[in-house]
């Protein structure tokens, strides 16, 4: 998995890419993360910004809620 993520990171350099992921480790280095809930954008920002907000992304990342 780490090798695939490394290769993808290299392929995506200098490009606009939309990544849909269930594993937060896949998107943590993204320039912008968009969090959807029931089809609506509820949060957006970098990993650092979302962690500071302590919203749904923070709760998912820290394991405080379960994905359904």
C-alpha atoms as a PDB file:
ATOM      1  CA  UNK A   1       0.000   0.000   0.000  1.00  0.00           C
ATOM      2  CA  UNK A   2       2.806   2.421   0.842  1.00  0.00           C
ATOM      3  CA  UNK A   3       4.480   1.736  -2.506  1.00  0.00           C
ATOM      4  CA  UNK A   4       1.245   2.418  -4.368  1.00  0.00           C
ATOM      5  CA  UNK A   5       0.697   5.682  -2.483  1.00  0.00           C
ATOM      6  CA  UNK A   6       4.281   6.740  -3.219  1.00  0.00           C
ATOM      7  CA  UNK A   7       3.875   5.991  -6.937  1.00  0.00           C
ATOM      8  CA  UNK A   8       0.518   7.797  -7.081  1.00  0.00           C
ATOM      9  CA  UNK A   9       2.009  10.847  -5.371  1.00  0.00           C
ATOM     10  CA  UNK A  10       4.713  10.983  -8.046  1.00  0.00           C
ATOM     11  CA  UNK A  11       2.185  10.573 -10.887  1.00  0.00           C
ATOM     12  CA  UNK A  12      -0.026  13.346  -9.486  1.00  0.00           C
ATOM     13  CA  UNK A  13       2.714  15.982  -9.202  1.00  0.00           C
ATOM     14  CA  UNK A  14       1.747  19.140 -11.075  1.00  0.00           C
ATOM     15  CA  UNK A  15      -1.739  17.850 -11.910  1.00  0.00           C
ATOM     16  CA  UNK A  16      -5.258  18.421 -10.655  1.00  0.00           C
ATOM     17  CA  UNK A  17      -6.553  15.101  -9.371  1.00  0.00           C
ATOM     18  CA  UNK A  18      -9.744  14.116  -7.585  1.00  0.00           C
ATOM     19  CA  UNK A  19      -9.206  11.258  -5.146  1.00  0.00           C
ATOM     20  CA  UNK A  20     -12.050   9.498  -3.397  1.00  0.00           C
ATOM     21  CA  UNK A  21     -10.739   7.562  -0.439  1.00  0.00           C
ATOM     22  CA  UNK A  22     -11.887   5.614   2.573  1.00  0.00           C
ATOM     23  CA  UNK A  23      -8.433   5.601   4.138  1.00  0.00           C
ATOM     24  CA  UNK A  24      -7.581   9.041   5.441  1.00  0.00           C
ATOM     25  CA  UNK A  25      -3.863   8.288   5.042  1.00  0.00           C
ATOM     26  CA  UNK A  26      -4.452   8.371   1.271  1.00  0.00           C
ATOM     27  CA  UNK A  27      -5.529  12.018   1.314  1.00  0.00           C
ATOM     28  CA  UNK A  28      -3.672  13.549   4.245  1.00  0.00           C
ATOM     29  CA  UNK A  29      -1.089  15.232   1.974  1.00  0.00           C
ATOM     30  CA  UNK A  30      -3.690  16.681  -0.412  1.00  0.00           C
ATOM     31  CA  UNK A  31      -3.714  20.431  -1.109  1.00  0.00           C
ATOM     32  CA  UNK A  32      -7.420  20.457  -0.279  1.00  0.00           C
ATOM     33  CA  UNK A  33      -9.634  17.881   1.413  1.00  0.00           C
ATOM     34  CA  UNK A  34     -13.396  18.090   0.969  1.00  0.00           C
ATOM     35  CA  UNK A  35     -15.553  16.300   3.536  1.00  0.00           C
ATOM     36  CA  UNK A  36     -19.029  15.246   2.409  1.00  0.00           C
ATOM     37  CA  UNK A  37     -21.936  14.231   4.591  1.00  0.00           C
ATOM     38  CA  UNK A  38     -25.234  13.133   3.070  1.00  0.00           C
ATOM     39  CA  UNK A  39     -24.103  14.544  -0.295  1.00  0.00           C
ATOM     40  CA  UNK A  40     -23.218  18.014   1.034  1.00  0.00           C
ATOM     41  CA  UNK A  41     -19.844  19.632   1.653  1.00  0.00           C
ATOM     42  CA  UNK A  42     -19.517  20.134   5.391  1.00  0.00           C
ATOM     43  CA  UNK A  43     -15.782  20.890   5.666  1.00  0.00           C
ATOM     44  CA  UNK A  44     -12.896  21.719   3.385  1.00  0.00           C
ATOM     45  CA  UNK A  45      -9.249  22.583   3.858  1.00  0.00           C
ATOM     46  CA  UNK A  46      -5.827  21.057   4.308  1.00  0.00           C
ATOM     47  CA  UNK A  47      -5.157  18.254   6.779  1.00  0.00           C
ATOM     48  CA  UNK A  48      -3.782  20.824   9.230  1.00  0.00           C
ATOM     49  CA  UNK A  49      -6.770  23.175   8.858  1.00  0.00           C
ATOM     50  CA  UNK A  50      -9.312  20.377   9.277  1.00  0.00           C
ATOM     51  CA  UNK A  51      -7.567  19.030  12.351  1.00  0.00           C
ATOM     52  CA  UNK A  52      -7.616  22.516  13.924  1.00  0.00           C
ATOM     53  CA  UNK A  53     -11.373  22.805  13.273  1.00  0.00           C
ATOM     54  CA  UNK A  54     -12.000  19.666  15.354  1.00  0.00           C
ATOM     55  CA  UNK A  55     -15.062  18.837  13.244  1.00  0.00           C
ATOM     56  CA  UNK A  56     -16.152  15.643  11.506  1.00  0.00           C
ATOM     57  CA  UNK A  57     -12.788  15.113   9.758  1.00  0.00           C
ATOM     58  CA  UNK A  58     -10.958  15.423  13.075  1.00  0.00           C
ATOM     59  CA  UNK A  59     -13.350  12.946  14.668  1.00  0.00           C
ATOM     60  CA  UNK A  60     -12.855  10.450  11.841  1.00  0.00           C
ATOM     61  CA  UNK A  61      -9.085  10.876  11.886  1.00  0.00           C
ATOM     62  CA  UNK A  62      -8.817  10.422  15.639  1.00  0.00           C
ATOM     63  CA  UNK A  63     -11.243   7.486  15.633  1.00  0.00           C
ATOM     64  CA  UNK A  64     -13.942   9.253  17.641  1.00  0.00           C
ATOM     65  CA  UNK A  65     -16.691   8.186  15.232  1.00  0.00           C
ATOM     66  CA  UNK A  66     -17.318   5.113  13.125  1.00  0.00           C
ATOM     67  CA  UNK A  67     -17.906   5.198   9.377  1.00  0.00           C
ATOM     68  CA  UNK A  68     -21.286   3.847   8.375  1.00  0.00           C
END
